[in-house]
Structures are given as C-alpha cells and as structure tokens.
Amino acid sequence: MRNDWTREEIRTLFALAFTDLLFRAASVHRQHHAPDQIQLCTLLSIKTGGCPEDCGYCSQSAHADSGVKATKLMDVRSVLQMAAQAKDAGSHRFCMGAAWRNPKDKDMPAIVEMVKGVRDMGLETCMTLGMLAPAQAQTLAEAGLDYYNHNIDTSPERYGDIITTRTFEDRLDTLENVRSAGINVCCGGIVGMGETREDRIGFIHALATLPRHPESVPVNALVPVKGTVLGDMLADTPLAKIDDIEFVRTVAVARITMPMSMVRLSAGRESMSEATQALCFLAGANSIFTGDKLLTAPNAGDDKDAVLLAKLGLTPLEGEEPMRVAAE
C-alpha cells in the first residue's frame, strides 16, 4: 500500500479511458478481496436531529429547515433490538450514528453498553458521534468498538464551502484520536455537491495519503434534501446528481489508491440503476448499507438488495476484512 500518492497521479487515473480504469481497478480489487462477496452493513440513527454543526448537506443540522425533529438518545434496549433485526437480515456490521458535534461524557456509559451489547451478538460495531476527545476514543476502544466513522466529506479546498462550524483539521484530529486509541477508521465523503473533478481528486488524495488508509471508505452520492443549503441550491439543477460514469470513476480511483480498504457504496444508491451499481462493484466497491433508511435518508431496502445481489451472483462477505487480517 502506498501513502505517497500525488495529485497528478490521481488526476491521471481519473483521466484514463473508462474501460482501462475499470480493468485496472478490478485487477487491484481481485488481488486483495473476494470479488464475489459484498459486506452488508446496517446504519441506525440513535440520536436524530438538532446538531449544532452547519453541514450544508445534512437534514439533521439545527441550521436546516428540513422538518427533521430532534430526539433524545435511544435507550440501549431499543438499539439492541434493532441490531438483532439487522443480524437476522444478514448484516455483518451494525453502525450507530448520533447527530452531535461531539458526545457529552454523560452519554458515554449508554454508548458503551450499546457497543458491548452489539458485539455480544457477533456483529462488528461502528459508531459516528462527531468529534472525539482522546479520552472518549479510549473509552470506546476499551468497550471493544471495532470502527469509528468520521468522514472528511470533500477536498480540503472545498471543505469550507460545505461546513463552517469546524475545520478540516478538526476532522483529522478526531481521526488521529481514533487511531491512537487502536480503533479502526471508517472515513470517506460525499460527491455530487457541486464540486469539480479537481475536488474529487483532492478528496481521494486526502484519504490515500493518510498515515494509514481507512479500513472502510464510504463513497456517498449527495441526496438533496429540501431545507438544507445544498438541497435547496442543487435540487433543480443538473449538479444535484453526479454523472453515473464519473461516480464509478471515483469508486475505481478509491479502489486503486486504497487497495485493501473496504469501499462502501453508501448514500444515493437508492436512486442508482442496477447497471450503475454493478459497475461500482466491478470497480471495487465491496460494501453496502442495507435496510430502508440511512439515518434520515431513504435506502434501497433488504429485499431489493437481495434481488440485485442474486442477479449479479454476489454473496455476503464471510470472514474478516483484509486490512484487519493484515494487522493481526
């Protein structure tokens, strides 16, 4: 694995003939992953709405007029019931997200119970709770948390146009706190926010040059939500939906530059054709969110996913992810 990719090298990858790019990405994918297996994950909002951050894409921001009402943190028992349902539906990893700038220490005991309870079911655990202090990251590590999600969202240059209440460096600080605690990193971002290809190059470059690649790299396509800054800005323009071929290119370049990471086809998938999703899997995406909802956004649903995977001859992931095996 390389951590010294240059933007020019990544720019050259994006510019390859589409068939050449897919061939190269598929070849890299097959070197490190079972090409016919897809990791199934479930994402649950354990605390919805009322977030003080002003992320322009997010319906849960207190700055948005999206109609999402703020809720309190779910009780542990309810979360574990949802986790059991996810396992029954075939999920490999259970992800829990809270709309916070950062968790308060008073919430940590409940969070720890959730992590331990989900792990006891035999599921991988992932949390996304906003920024973490070193001590909080250590608490989650001691609870056995497998992954922490904290996306960089976009390129460093574009970041300030999307979020003003925290900096790109704040994101990196949390990633460092997570790494230092020994927790695996889930980190990706969103495309289709009106960015240029150069921004997508910068986004991939920022991830691929981290001291250690994220074990999971979610690639989201913006779902424009009415009442959010970007939703209102892009809903009625061609920029609201990234070109399908360009989206697949982004997935392929992520696979080539981060060969052992799990590349997750995340938000926006419910509006993608089966053919586009199949191209993403060919390009190296090997993880999806199942279920009817991603936090507050719609998702394809278990039944629809099962039909698609059967049609493509793909099966749920068995065993550990390559980067975790390599680290043992």
C-alpha atoms as a PDB file:
ATOM      1  CA  MET A   1       0.000   0.000   0.000  1.00  0.00           C
ATOM      2  CA  ARG A   2       1.184   3.499  -0.824  1.00  0.00           C
ATOM      3  CA  ASN A   3       0.649   6.639   1.206  1.00  0.00           C
ATOM      4  CA  ASP A   4       2.631   8.918  -1.114  1.00  0.00           C
ATOM      5  CA  TRP A   5       0.159   9.339  -3.971  1.00  0.00           C
ATOM      6  CA  THR A   6       0.447  12.689  -5.723  1.00  0.00           C
ATOM      7  CA  ARG A   7      -2.495  14.642  -7.031  1.00  0.00           C
ATOM      8  CA  GLU A   8      -1.024  14.368 -10.514  1.00  0.00           C
ATOM      9  CA  GLU A   9      -1.032  10.563 -10.276  1.00  0.00           C
ATOM     10  CA  ILE A  10      -4.637  10.574  -9.103  1.00  0.00           C
ATOM     11  CA  ARG A  11      -5.553  13.049 -11.842  1.00  0.00           C
ATOM     12  CA  THR A  12      -4.030  10.666 -14.390  1.00  0.00           C
ATOM     13  CA  LEU A  13      -6.128   7.784 -13.032  1.00  0.00           C
ATOM     14  CA  PHE A  14      -9.330   9.797 -13.362  1.00  0.00           C
ATOM     15  CA  ALA A  15      -8.403  10.627 -16.964  1.00  0.00           C
ATOM     16  CA  LEU A  16      -7.892   7.004 -18.077  1.00  0.00           C
ATOM     17  CA  ALA A  17     -10.235   5.549 -20.661  1.00  0.00           C
ATOM     18  CA  PHE A  18     -13.218   4.257 -18.698  1.00  0.00           C
ATOM     19  CA  THR A  19     -12.695   0.622 -19.669  1.00  0.00           C
ATOM     20  CA  ASP A  20      -8.993   0.817 -18.829  1.00  0.00           C
ATOM     21  CA  LEU A  21      -9.746   2.365 -15.450  1.00  0.00           C
ATOM     22  CA  LEU A  22     -12.287  -0.335 -14.601  1.00  0.00           C
ATOM     23  CA  PHE A  23      -9.939  -3.105 -15.693  1.00  0.00           C
ATOM     24  CA  ARG A  24      -7.166  -1.735 -13.505  1.00  0.00           C
ATOM     25  CA  ALA A  25      -9.474  -1.216 -10.515  1.00  0.00           C
ATOM     26  CA  ALA A  26     -10.979  -4.701 -10.867  1.00  0.00           C
ATOM     27  CA  SER A  27      -7.499  -6.212 -11.075  1.00  0.00           C
ATOM     28  CA  VAL A  28      -6.400  -4.438  -7.882  1.00  0.00           C
ATOM     29  CA  HIS A  29      -9.626  -5.485  -6.178  1.00  0.00           C
ATOM     30  CA  ARG A  30      -9.107  -9.162  -7.002  1.00  0.00           C
ATOM     31  CA  GLN A  31      -5.588  -9.083  -5.561  1.00  0.00           C
ATOM     32  CA  HIS A  32      -6.907  -8.245  -2.094  1.00  0.00           C
ATOM     33  CA  HIS A  33     -10.611  -9.108  -1.889  1.00  0.00           C
ATOM     34  CA  ALA A  34     -13.024 -11.879  -2.791  1.00  0.00           C
ATOM     35  CA  PRO A  35     -14.568 -10.389  -5.950  1.00  0.00           C
ATOM     36  CA  ASP A  36     -17.946 -12.065  -5.449  1.00  0.00           C
ATOM     37  CA  GLN A  37     -18.512 -11.011  -1.819  1.00  0.00           C
ATOM     38  CA  ILE A  38     -20.177  -7.846  -0.537  1.00  0.00           C
ATOM     39  CA  GLN A  39     -20.130  -6.683   3.072  1.00  0.00           C
ATOM     40  CA  LEU A  40     -23.653  -5.951   4.349  1.00  0.00           C
ATOM     41  CA  CYS A  41     -23.931  -3.159   6.924  1.00  0.00           C
ATOM     42  CA  THR A  42     -26.856  -1.527   8.709  1.00  0.00           C
ATOM     43  CA  LEU A  43     -26.929   2.089   9.887  1.00  0.00           C
ATOM     44  CA  LEU A  44     -29.186   3.256  12.716  1.00  0.00           C
ATOM     45  CA  SER A  45     -29.725   6.824  13.919  1.00  0.00           C
ATOM     46  CA  ILE A  46     -29.508   6.506  17.689  1.00  0.00           C
ATOM     47  CA  LYS A  47     -29.942  10.259  18.207  1.00  0.00           C
ATOM     48  CA  THR A  48     -31.578  12.264  15.439  1.00  0.00           C
ATOM     49  CA  GLY A  49     -31.613  15.986  14.630  1.00  0.00           C
ATOM     50  CA  GLY A  50     -30.675  19.149  16.471  1.00  0.00           C
ATOM     51  CA  CYS A  51     -26.968  19.038  15.570  1.00  0.00           C
ATOM     52  CA  PRO A  52     -25.300  22.452  16.016  1.00  0.00           C
ATOM     53  CA  GLU A  53     -22.982  21.914  13.018  1.00  0.00           C
ATOM     54  CA  ASP A  54     -23.947  23.667   9.775  1.00  0.00           C
ATOM     55  CA  CYS A  55     -23.041  20.927   7.269  1.00  0.00           C
ATOM     56  CA  GLY A  56     -24.766  22.105   4.088  1.00  0.00           C
ATOM     57  CA  TYR A  57     -25.883  18.622   3.046  1.00  0.00           C
ATOM     58  CA  CYS A  58     -27.347  17.466   6.350  1.00  0.00           C
ATOM     59  CA  SER A  59     -31.039  17.348   7.215  1.00  0.00           C
ATOM     60  CA  GLN A  60     -30.146  16.858  10.890  1.00  0.00           C
ATOM     61  CA  SER A  61     -28.421  20.223  11.235  1.00  0.00           C
ATOM     62  CA  ALA A  62     -30.180  22.715  13.516  1.00  0.00           C
ATOM     63  CA  HIS A  63     -29.444  25.253  10.762  1.00  0.00           C
ATOM     64  CA  ALA A  64     -31.588  23.326   8.234  1.00  0.00           C
ATOM     65  CA  ASP A  65     -35.336  23.684   7.724  1.00  0.00           C
ATOM     66  CA  SER A  66     -35.789  20.056   6.722  1.00  0.00           C
ATOM     67  CA  GLY A  67     -38.575  19.068   9.077  1.00  0.00           C
ATOM     68  CA  VAL A  68     -36.372  16.621  10.996  1.00  0.00           C
ATOM     69  CA  LYS A  69     -37.236  16.837  14.677  1.00  0.00           C
ATOM     70  CA  ALA A  70     -34.576  16.488  17.344  1.00  0.00           C
ATOM     71  CA  THR A  71     -34.799  13.382  19.508  1.00  0.00           C
ATOM     72  CA  LYS A  72     -33.045  12.158  22.598  1.00  0.00           C
ATOM     73  CA  LEU A  73     -30.532   9.324  22.609  1.00  0.00           C
ATOM     74  CA  MET A  74     -32.299   5.989  22.108  1.00  0.00           C
ATOM     75  CA  ASP A  75     -32.365   3.643  25.059  1.00  0.00           C
ATOM     76  CA  VAL A  76     -29.924   0.758  24.938  1.00  0.00           C
ATOM     77  CA  ARG A  77     -32.573  -1.956  24.760  1.00  0.00           C
ATOM     78  CA  SER A  78     -34.185  -0.446  21.649  1.00  0.00           C
ATOM     79  CA  VAL A  79     -30.828  -0.169  19.913  1.00  0.00           C
ATOM     80  CA  LEU A  80     -30.020  -3.795  20.658  1.00  0.00           C
ATOM     81  CA  GLN A  81     -33.404  -4.885  19.305  1.00  0.00           C
ATOM     82  CA  MET A  82     -32.633  -3.098  16.043  1.00  0.00           C
ATOM     83  CA  ALA A  83     -29.199  -4.705  15.949  1.00  0.00           C
ATOM     84  CA  ALA A  84     -30.747  -8.161  16.364  1.00  0.00           C
ATOM     85  CA  GLN A  85     -33.088  -7.454  13.452  1.00  0.00           C
ATOM     86  CA  ALA A  86     -30.135  -6.323  11.335  1.00  0.00           C
ATOM     87  CA  LYS A  87     -28.261  -9.525  12.100  1.00  0.00           C
ATOM     88  CA  ASP A  88     -31.296 -11.591  11.173  1.00  0.00           C
ATOM     89  CA  ALA A  89     -31.391  -9.730   7.847  1.00  0.00           C
ATOM     90  CA  GLY A  90     -27.784 -10.756   7.177  1.00  0.00           C
ATOM     91  CA  SER A  91     -25.805  -7.692   8.248  1.00  0.00           C
ATOM     92  CA  HIS A  92     -22.129  -8.097   9.083  1.00  0.00           C
ATOM     93  CA  ARG A  93     -21.627  -4.684  10.709  1.00  0.00           C
ATOM     94  CA  PHE A  94     -24.002  -2.537  12.764  1.00  0.00           C
ATOM     95  CA  CYS A  95     -23.341   1.202  12.584  1.00  0.00           C
ATOM     96  CA  MET A  96     -24.817   3.689  15.058  1.00  0.00           C
ATOM     97  CA  GLY A  97     -24.938   7.426  14.391  1.00  0.00           C
ATOM     98  CA  ALA A  98     -25.766  10.331  16.685  1.00  0.00           C
ATOM     99  CA  ALA A  99     -26.362  13.911  15.488  1.00  0.00           C
ATOM    100  CA  TRP A 100     -23.875  15.546  17.833  1.00  0.00           C
ATOM    101  CA  ARG A 101     -20.975  17.931  17.421  1.00  0.00           C
ATOM    102  CA  ASN A 102     -19.315  15.692  19.975  1.00  0.00           C
ATOM    103  CA  PRO A 103     -20.659  13.288  22.626  1.00  0.00           C
ATOM    104  CA  LYS A 104     -21.039  14.501  26.195  1.00  0.00           C
ATOM    105  CA  ASP A 105     -19.362  12.460  28.891  1.00  0.00           C
ATOM    106  CA  LYS A 106     -22.768  11.772  30.477  1.00  0.00           C
ATOM    107  CA  ASP A 107     -23.782   9.894  27.323  1.00  0.00           C
ATOM    108  CA  MET A 108     -20.737   7.640  27.228  1.00  0.00           C
ATOM    109  CA  PRO A 109     -21.994   4.913  29.627  1.00  0.00           C
ATOM    110  CA  ALA A 110     -25.027   4.259  27.394  1.00  0.00           C
ATOM    111  CA  ILE A 111     -22.840   4.323  24.287  1.00  0.00           C
ATOM    112  CA  VAL A 112     -20.501   1.776  25.899  1.00  0.00           C
ATOM    113  CA  GLU A 113     -23.458  -0.505  26.702  1.00  0.00           C
ATOM    114  CA  MET A 114     -24.591  -0.331  23.073  1.00  0.00           C
ATOM    115  CA  VAL A 115     -21.153  -1.269  21.783  1.00  0.00           C
ATOM    116  CA  LYS A 116     -20.794  -4.190  24.161  1.00  0.00           C
ATOM    117  CA  GLY A 117     -24.321  -5.434  23.503  1.00  0.00           C
ATOM    118  CA  VAL A 118     -23.958  -5.364  19.713  1.00  0.00           C
ATOM    119  CA  ARG A 119     -20.569  -7.082  19.907  1.00  0.00           C
ATOM    120  CA  ASP A 120     -22.059  -9.807  22.071  1.00  0.00           C
ATOM    121  CA  MET A 121     -24.388 -10.612  19.159  1.00  0.00           C
ATOM    122  CA  GLY A 122     -21.397 -11.339  16.947  1.00  0.00           C
ATOM    123  CA  LEU A 123     -21.753  -8.179  14.850  1.00  0.00           C
ATOM    124  CA  GLU A 124     -18.991  -5.726  14.055  1.00  0.00           C
ATOM    125  CA  THR A 125     -19.637  -2.352  15.682  1.00  0.00           C
ATOM    126  CA  CYS A 126     -19.255   1.139  14.258  1.00  0.00           C
ATOM    127  CA  MET A 127     -20.111   4.497  15.808  1.00  0.00           C
ATOM    128  CA  THR A 128     -20.293   8.020  14.396  1.00  0.00           C
ATOM    129  CA  LEU A 129     -20.796  10.567  17.147  1.00  0.00           C
ATOM    130  CA  GLY A 130     -18.987  13.654  15.855  1.00  0.00           C
ATOM    131  CA  MET A 131     -15.638  14.824  17.153  1.00  0.00           C
ATOM    132  CA  LEU A 132     -13.935  12.755  19.864  1.00  0.00           C
ATOM    133  CA  ALA A 133     -11.544  13.774  22.598  1.00  0.00           C
ATOM    134  CA  PRO A 134      -8.660  11.354  23.232  1.00  0.00           C
ATOM    135  CA  ALA A 135     -10.218  10.081  26.473  1.00  0.00           C
ATOM    136  CA  GLN A 136     -13.542   9.401  24.737  1.00  0.00           C
ATOM    137  CA  ALA A 137     -11.809   7.478  21.974  1.00  0.00           C
ATOM    138  CA  GLN A 138     -10.007   5.418  24.601  1.00  0.00           C
ATOM    139  CA  THR A 139     -13.303   4.675  26.367  1.00  0.00           C
ATOM    140  CA  LEU A 140     -14.797   3.393  23.094  1.00  0.00           C
ATOM    141  CA  ALA A 141     -11.700   1.292  22.432  1.00  0.00           C
ATOM    142  CA  GLU A 142     -11.945  -0.303  25.876  1.00  0.00           C
ATOM    143  CA  ALA A 143     -15.611  -1.088  25.163  1.00  0.00           C
ATOM    144  CA  GLY A 144     -14.460  -3.023  22.096  1.00  0.00           C
ATOM    145  CA  LEU A 145     -15.628  -0.653  19.333  1.00  0.00           C
ATOM    146  CA  ASP A 146     -14.420  -2.012  16.001  1.00  0.00           C
ATOM    147  CA  TYR A 147     -14.797   1.092  13.814  1.00  0.00           C
ATOM    148  CA  TYR A 148     -15.316   4.811  14.189  1.00  0.00           C
ATOM    149  CA  ASN A 149     -16.758   6.768  11.275  1.00  0.00           C
ATOM    150  CA  HIS A 150     -15.724  10.360  10.750  1.00  0.00           C
ATOM    151  CA  ASN A 151     -15.857  11.500   7.136  1.00  0.00           C
ATOM    152  CA  ILE A 152     -13.696  14.255   5.658  1.00  0.00           C
ATOM    153  CA  ASP A 153     -16.652  14.930   3.311  1.00  0.00           C
ATOM    154  CA  THR A 154     -14.759  16.587   0.442  1.00  0.00           C
ATOM    155  CA  SER A 155     -11.405  18.048  -0.571  1.00  0.00           C
ATOM    156  CA  PRO A 156      -9.550  20.314   1.868  1.00  0.00           C
ATOM    157  CA  GLU A 157     -10.046  23.243  -0.539  1.00  0.00           C
ATOM    158  CA  ARG A 158     -13.813  22.705  -0.870  1.00  0.00           C
ATOM    159  CA  TYR A 159     -14.429  21.916   2.789  1.00  0.00           C
ATOM    160  CA  GLY A 160     -15.065  25.497   3.964  1.00  0.00           C
ATOM    161  CA  ASP A 161     -17.810  25.903   1.356  1.00  0.00           C
ATOM    162  CA  ILE A 162     -19.700  22.967   2.865  1.00  0.00           C
ATOM    163  CA  ILE A 163     -19.129  23.405   6.619  1.00  0.00           C
ATOM    164  CA  THR A 164     -18.080  26.451   8.639  1.00  0.00           C
ATOM    165  CA  THR A 165     -18.580  25.303  12.237  1.00  0.00           C
ATOM    166  CA  ARG A 166     -15.500  23.061  12.268  1.00  0.00           C
ATOM    167  CA  THR A 167     -12.397  22.799  10.153  1.00  0.00           C
ATOM    168  CA  PHE A 168     -10.862  20.105   8.001  1.00  0.00           C
ATOM    169  CA  GLU A 169      -8.083  19.902  10.586  1.00  0.00           C
ATOM    170  CA  ASP A 170     -10.689  19.205  13.291  1.00  0.00           C
ATOM    171  CA  ARG A 171     -11.700  16.159  11.270  1.00  0.00           C
ATOM    172  CA  LEU A 172      -8.111  14.975  11.043  1.00  0.00           C
ATOM    173  CA  ASP A 173      -7.631  15.469  14.793  1.00  0.00           C
ATOM    174  CA  THR A 174     -10.522  13.120  15.552  1.00  0.00           C
ATOM    175  CA  LEU A 175      -9.155  10.554  13.110  1.00  0.00           C
ATOM    176  CA  GLU A 176      -5.817  10.730  14.905  1.00  0.00           C
ATOM    177  CA  ASN A 177      -7.503  10.291  18.302  1.00  0.00           C
ATOM    178  CA  VAL A 178      -9.350   7.242  16.971  1.00  0.00           C
ATOM    179  CA  ARG A 179      -6.158   5.737  15.523  1.00  0.00           C
ATOM    180  CA  SER A 180      -4.201   6.401  18.703  1.00  0.00           C
ATOM    181  CA  ALA A 181      -6.841   4.518  20.703  1.00  0.00           C
ATOM    182  CA  GLY A 182      -6.486   1.497  18.408  1.00  0.00           C
ATOM    183  CA  ILE A 183      -9.897   1.742  16.749  1.00  0.00           C
ATOM    184  CA  ASN A 184     -10.271   1.053  13.029  1.00  0.00           C
ATOM    185  CA  VAL A 185     -11.176   4.060  10.895  1.00  0.00           C
ATOM    186  CA  CYS A 186     -14.165   4.457   8.593  1.00  0.00           C
ATOM    187  CA  CYS A 187     -13.677   7.643   6.592  1.00  0.00           C
ATOM    188  CA  GLY A 188     -14.958   8.818   3.223  1.00  0.00           C
ATOM    189  CA  GLY A 189     -17.145  11.596   1.929  1.00  0.00           C
ATOM    190  CA  ILE A 190     -19.815  12.868  -0.434  1.00  0.00           C
ATOM    191  CA  VAL A 191     -19.694  13.596  -4.147  1.00  0.00           C
ATOM    192  CA  GLY A 192     -22.284  15.414  -6.216  1.00  0.00           C
ATOM    193  CA  MET A 193     -22.210  18.524  -4.006  1.00  0.00           C
ATOM    194  CA  GLY A 194     -21.449  20.789  -6.938  1.00  0.00           C
ATOM    195  CA  GLU A 195     -17.721  20.070  -6.729  1.00  0.00           C
ATOM    196  CA  THR A 196     -15.356  19.771  -9.682  1.00  0.00           C
ATOM    197  CA  ARG A 197     -13.330  16.729 -10.639  1.00  0.00           C
ATOM    198  CA  GLU A 198     -10.343  18.519  -9.117  1.00  0.00           C
ATOM    199  CA  ASP A 199     -12.187  18.462  -5.784  1.00  0.00           C
ATOM    200  CA  ARG A 200     -12.795  14.733  -6.171  1.00  0.00           C
ATOM    201  CA  ILE A 201      -9.087  14.318  -6.869  1.00  0.00           C
ATOM    202  CA  GLY A 202      -8.301  16.266  -3.709  1.00  0.00           C
ATOM    203  CA  PHE A 203     -10.799  14.206  -1.708  1.00  0.00           C
ATOM    204  CA  ILE A 204      -9.238  10.888  -2.771  1.00  0.00           C
ATOM    205  CA  HIS A 205      -5.732  12.308  -2.288  1.00  0.00           C
ATOM    206  CA  ALA A 206      -6.514  13.358   1.305  1.00  0.00           C
ATOM    207  CA  LEU A 207      -7.678   9.821   2.160  1.00  0.00           C
ATOM    208  CA  ALA A 208      -4.982   7.918   0.260  1.00  0.00           C
ATOM    209  CA  THR A 209      -2.159   9.906   1.875  1.00  0.00           C
ATOM    210  CA  LEU A 210      -3.257   9.425   5.480  1.00  0.00           C
ATOM    211  CA  PRO A 211      -0.541   7.667   7.540  1.00  0.00           C
ATOM    212  CA  ARG A 212      -2.742   4.556   7.362  1.00  0.00           C
ATOM    213  CA  HIS A 213      -5.556   4.163   4.869  1.00  0.00           C
ATOM    214  CA  PRO A 214      -9.051   3.993   6.390  1.00  0.00           C
ATOM    215  CA  GLU A 215     -10.170   0.395   6.784  1.00  0.00           C
ATOM    216  CA  SER A 216     -13.530   1.489   5.354  1.00  0.00           C
ATOM    217  CA  VAL A 217     -14.079   4.222   2.748  1.00  0.00           C
ATOM    218  CA  PRO A 218     -17.754   5.146   2.232  1.00  0.00           C
ATOM    219  CA  VAL A 219     -18.443   6.980  -1.030  1.00  0.00           C
ATOM    220  CA  ASN A 220     -21.773   8.807  -0.869  1.00  0.00           C
ATOM    221  CA  ALA A 221     -23.707  10.494  -3.655  1.00  0.00           C
ATOM    222  CA  LEU A 222     -25.498  13.576  -2.360  1.00  0.00           C
ATOM    223  CA  VAL A 223     -29.193  13.104  -1.671  1.00  0.00           C
ATOM    224  CA  PRO A 224     -30.505  16.690  -1.973  1.00  0.00           C
ATOM    225  CA  VAL A 225     -32.868  17.314   0.943  1.00  0.00           C
ATOM    226  CA  LYS A 226     -35.247  20.248   0.808  1.00  0.00           C
ATOM    227  CA  GLY A 227     -34.478  22.736   3.550  1.00  0.00           C
ATOM    228  CA  THR A 228     -30.728  22.108   3.582  1.00  0.00           C
ATOM    229  CA  VAL A 229     -28.347  24.598   1.992  1.00  0.00           C
ATOM    230  CA  LEU A 230     -27.146  22.200  -0.694  1.00  0.00           C
ATOM    231  CA  GLY A 231     -30.535  20.566  -1.136  1.00  0.00           C
ATOM    232  CA  ASP A 232     -32.180  23.882  -1.947  1.00  0.00           C
ATOM    233  CA  MET A 233     -29.253  25.014  -4.074  1.00  0.00           C
ATOM    234  CA  LEU A 234     -28.917  21.865  -6.162  1.00  0.00           C
ATOM    235  CA  ALA A 235     -32.355  20.231  -6.176  1.00  0.00           C
ATOM    236  CA  ASP A 236     -33.414  21.708  -9.521  1.00  0.00           C
ATOM    237  CA  THR A 237     -30.040  21.824 -11.251  1.00  0.00           C
ATOM    238  CA  PRO A 238     -28.018  19.226 -13.152  1.00  0.00           C
ATOM    239  CA  LEU A 239     -25.355  19.452 -10.431  1.00  0.00           C
ATOM    240  CA  ALA A 240     -27.694  17.765  -7.955  1.00  0.00           C
ATOM    241  CA  LYS A 241     -26.804  14.328  -9.275  1.00  0.00           C
ATOM    242  CA  ILE A 242     -23.269  13.393 -10.189  1.00  0.00           C
ATOM    243  CA  ASP A 243     -22.897  11.768 -13.593  1.00  0.00           C
ATOM    244  CA  ASP A 244     -23.055   7.985 -13.176  1.00  0.00           C
ATOM    245  CA  ILE A 245     -19.826   7.372 -15.078  1.00  0.00           C
ATOM    246  CA  GLU A 246     -17.994   9.993 -13.011  1.00  0.00           C
ATOM    247  CA  PHE A 247     -19.297   8.392  -9.830  1.00  0.00           C
ATOM    248  CA  VAL A 248     -17.991   4.994 -10.934  1.00  0.00           C
ATOM    249  CA  ARG A 249     -14.654   6.632 -11.797  1.00  0.00           C
ATOM    250  CA  THR A 250     -14.454   7.961  -8.231  1.00  0.00           C
ATOM    251  CA  VAL A 251     -15.086   4.486  -6.805  1.00  0.00           C
ATOM    252  CA  ALA A 252     -12.459   2.973  -9.130  1.00  0.00           C
ATOM    253  CA  VAL A 253      -9.799   5.524  -8.193  1.00  0.00           C
ATOM    254  CA  ALA A 254     -10.546   4.970  -4.485  1.00  0.00           C
ATOM    255  CA  ARG A 255     -10.039   1.236  -5.013  1.00  0.00           C
ATOM    256  CA  ILE A 256      -6.734   1.655  -6.861  1.00  0.00           C
ATOM    257  CA  THR A 257      -5.251   4.118  -4.378  1.00  0.00           C
ATOM    258  CA  MET A 258      -6.531   2.304  -1.258  1.00  0.00           C
ATOM    259  CA  PRO A 259      -6.352  -1.317  -2.397  1.00  0.00           C
ATOM    260  CA  MET A 260      -7.098  -3.111   0.883  1.00  0.00           C
ATOM    261  CA  SER A 261      -9.825  -0.802   2.193  1.00  0.00           C
ATOM    262  CA  MET A 262     -13.477  -1.765   2.115  1.00  0.00           C
ATOM    263  CA  VAL A 263     -15.014   0.734  -0.329  1.00  0.00           C
ATOM    264  CA  ARG A 264     -18.643   1.238   0.592  1.00  0.00           C
ATOM    265  CA  LEU A 265     -21.297   2.267  -1.902  1.00  0.00           C
ATOM    266  CA  SER A 266     -23.310   4.391   0.517  1.00  0.00           C
ATOM    267  CA  ALA A 267     -25.950   7.153   0.322  1.00  0.00           C
ATOM    268  CA  GLY A 268     -27.601   7.835  -3.018  1.00  0.00           C
ATOM    269  CA  ARG A 269     -27.671   4.193  -4.033  1.00  0.00           C
ATOM    270  CA  GLU A 270     -31.476   4.011  -3.900  1.00  0.00           C
ATOM    271  CA  SER A 271     -31.659   6.263  -6.969  1.00  0.00           C
ATOM    272  CA  MET A 272     -28.928   4.454  -8.919  1.00  0.00           C
ATOM    273  CA  SER A 273     -29.795   1.964 -11.638  1.00  0.00           C
ATOM    274  CA  GLU A 274     -28.836  -1.669 -11.217  1.00  0.00           C
ATOM    275  CA  ALA A 275     -26.331  -1.207 -14.042  1.00  0.00           C
ATOM    276  CA  THR A 276     -24.598   1.697 -12.251  1.00  0.00           C
ATOM    277  CA  GLN A 277     -24.362  -0.286  -9.028  1.00  0.00           C
ATOM    278  CA  ALA A 278     -22.993  -3.281 -10.940  1.00  0.00           C
ATOM    279  CA  LEU A 279     -20.292  -1.055 -12.456  1.00  0.00           C
ATOM    280  CA  CYS A 280     -19.419   0.190  -8.966  1.00  0.00           C
ATOM    281  CA  PHE A 281     -18.988  -3.394  -7.767  1.00  0.00           C
ATOM    282  CA  LEU A 282     -16.841  -4.121 -10.816  1.00  0.00           C
ATOM    283  CA  ALA A 283     -14.786  -1.022  -9.980  1.00  0.00           C
ATOM    284  CA  GLY A 284     -14.072  -2.335  -6.484  1.00  0.00           C
ATOM    285  CA  ALA A 285     -16.941  -1.313  -4.215  1.00  0.00           C
ATOM    286  CA  ASN A 286     -17.500  -4.235  -1.861  1.00  0.00           C
ATOM    287  CA  SER A 287     -19.661  -2.909   0.949  1.00  0.00           C
ATOM    288  CA  ILE A 288     -23.212  -1.525   1.089  1.00  0.00           C
ATOM    289  CA  PHE A 289     -25.737  -0.334   3.634  1.00  0.00           C
ATOM    290  CA  THR A 290     -28.859  -2.469   3.713  1.00  0.00           C
ATOM    291  CA  GLY A 291     -32.264  -1.552   5.120  1.00  0.00           C
ATOM    292  CA  ASP A 292     -34.873   1.053   4.209  1.00  0.00           C
ATOM    293  CA  LYS A 293     -33.173   4.090   5.758  1.00  0.00           C
ATOM    294  CA  LEU A 294     -29.736   5.658   6.218  1.00  0.00           C
ATOM    295  CA  LEU A 295     -30.104   7.881   9.281  1.00  0.00           C
ATOM    296  CA  THR A 296     -32.874  10.082   7.779  1.00  0.00           C
ATOM    297  CA  ALA A 297     -32.382   9.410   4.040  1.00  0.00           C
ATOM    298  CA  PRO A 298     -34.129   6.611   2.120  1.00  0.00           C
ATOM    299  CA  ASN A 299     -32.219   3.458   1.184  1.00  0.00           C
ATOM    300  CA  ALA A 300     -32.849   0.621  -1.251  1.00  0.00           C
ATOM    301  CA  GLY A 301     -34.113  -1.926   1.304  1.00  0.00           C
ATOM    302  CA  ASP A 302     -33.176  -5.509   2.161  1.00  0.00           C
ATOM    303  CA  ASP A 303     -35.480  -7.207  -0.352  1.00  0.00           C
ATOM    304  CA  LYS A 304     -34.400  -5.058  -3.280  1.00  0.00           C
ATOM    305  CA  ASP A 305     -30.748  -5.565  -2.368  1.00  0.00           C
ATOM    306  CA  ALA A 306     -31.195  -9.334  -2.133  1.00  0.00           C
ATOM    307  CA  VAL A 307     -32.679  -9.408  -5.631  1.00  0.00           C
ATOM    308  CA  LEU A 308     -29.839  -7.306  -7.049  1.00  0.00           C
ATOM    309  CA  LEU A 309     -27.076  -9.327  -5.404  1.00  0.00           C
ATOM    310  CA  ALA A 310     -28.666 -12.587  -6.555  1.00  0.00           C
ATOM    311  CA  LYS A 311     -28.920 -11.246 -10.085  1.00  0.00           C
ATOM    312  CA  LEU A 312     -25.211 -10.359 -10.014  1.00  0.00           C
ATOM    313  CA  GLY A 313     -24.146 -13.607  -8.333  1.00  0.00           C
ATOM    314  CA  LEU A 314     -22.785 -11.771  -5.284  1.00  0.00           C
ATOM    315  CA  THR A 315     -22.911 -13.144  -1.744  1.00  0.00           C
ATOM    316  CA  PRO A 316     -22.473 -11.620   1.740  1.00  0.00           C
ATOM    317  CA  LEU A 317     -18.917 -11.225   2.999  1.00  0.00           C
ATOM    318  CA  GLU A 318     -17.521 -14.071   5.042  1.00  0.00           C
ATOM    319  CA  GLY A 319     -14.644 -13.598   7.464  1.00  0.00           C
ATOM    320  CA  GLU A 320     -12.546 -10.556   8.293  1.00  0.00           C
ATOM    321  CA  GLU A 321     -11.658  -7.576   6.120  1.00  0.00           C
ATOM    322  CA  PRO A 322      -8.160  -7.700   4.555  1.00  0.00           C
ATOM    323  CA  MET A 323      -6.697  -4.733   6.442  1.00  0.00           C
ATOM    324  CA  ARG A 324      -7.741  -6.172   9.795  1.00  0.00           C
ATOM    325  CA  VAL A 325      -6.269  -9.553   8.921  1.00  0.00           C
ATOM    326  CA  ALA A 326      -3.014  -7.915   7.820  1.00  0.00           C
ATOM    327  CA  ALA A 327      -2.806  -6.011  11.095  1.00  0.00           C
ATOM    328  CA  GLU A 328      -3.097  -9.134  13.249  1.00  0.00           C
END
